[in-house]
Protein backbone atom coordinates (compact mmCIF):
# COMPACT_ATOMS: atom_id res chain seq x y z
CA MET A 1 9.81 207.77 -124.55
CA ASP A 2 9.59 204.23 -124.40
CA PHE A 3 9.82 204.43 -128.05
CA LEU A 4 13.41 205.72 -128.71
CA HIS A 5 14.56 202.72 -126.26
CA GLN A 6 13.07 200.65 -128.27
CA VAL A 7 14.40 202.40 -131.52
CA MET A 8 17.52 203.33 -130.73
CA PRO A 9 19.80 200.13 -131.51
CA VAL A 10 17.84 200.71 -134.96
CA LEU A 11 18.79 203.67 -135.23
CA TRP A 12 22.36 203.33 -133.93
CA HIS A 13 22.67 200.61 -136.91
CA VAL A 14 22.28 202.89 -139.54
CA LEU A 15 24.14 205.13 -138.57
CA SER A 16 27.09 202.80 -138.29
CA LYS A 17 27.38 202.13 -141.49
CA HIS A 18 27.77 206.26 -143.17
CA LYS A 19 29.52 208.88 -141.37
CA ARG A 20 27.56 211.31 -143.24
CA GLY A 21 24.73 210.47 -141.39
CA ALA A 22 22.09 212.35 -139.05
CA ILE A 23 18.79 211.21 -137.29
CA ASN A 24 15.57 213.54 -136.23
CA VAL A 25 13.36 212.36 -134.64
CA SER A 26 9.96 214.46 -133.66
CA THR A 27 6.65 214.53 -133.02
CA VAL A 28 3.68 216.68 -134.83
CA ASP A 29 0.28 216.94 -134.35
CA ASP A 30 0.68 213.59 -132.48
CA GLU A 31 2.04 211.83 -135.39
CA LEU A 32 5.71 209.93 -134.79
CA THR A 33 8.45 211.19 -137.44
CA VAL A 34 11.96 209.91 -137.48
CA ASN A 35 14.21 212.00 -140.48
CA ILE A 36 17.26 209.74 -141.97
CA LEU A 37 20.12 212.30 -143.36
CA LEU A 38 22.85 209.64 -145.55
CA GLY A 39 25.18 212.20 -147.16
CA ARG A 40 22.19 213.54 -149.44
CA LYS A 41 19.71 211.07 -149.50
CA ARG A 42 17.07 211.68 -146.83
CA LYS A 43 14.33 209.71 -146.15
CA SER A 44 11.16 209.97 -143.79
CA PHE A 45 9.18 207.85 -142.18
CA VAL A 46 6.06 209.70 -140.73
CA ASN A 47 2.82 207.03 -138.19
CA SER A 48 1.28 207.49 -135.32
CA ASP A 49 2.05 204.40 -134.49
CA PRO A 50 5.25 203.37 -132.28
CA ASN A 51 5.00 199.88 -133.67
CA VAL A 52 4.19 200.59 -136.77
CA LEU A 53 7.14 203.07 -137.69
CA LEU A 54 9.83 201.21 -135.87
CA CYS A 55 9.12 197.75 -138.18
CA ASP A 56 9.52 200.28 -141.33
CA ILE A 57 12.96 202.08 -139.93
CA SER A 58 14.07 198.57 -139.42
CA GLN A 59 13.48 197.14 -142.97
CA PHE A 60 14.73 199.79 -144.04
CA ALA A 61 17.95 199.37 -142.01
CA ASP A 62 17.86 195.48 -142.46
CA SER A 63 18.15 196.59 -146.90
CA MET A 64 21.14 198.70 -146.32
């Protein structure tokens, strides 16, 4: 749950740039999965360490 509080501002930043965006956050077999759908483009981030996943998502959001 703590991971969601850390990653939500980054995810809102991604969604604020795209009107047709959707985000799905889930856990499967102790791995966190974040799927970002931007129109027809899809980007997935999977990792068991929340800090690494947060870093990857932040880099993606900054590159937009």
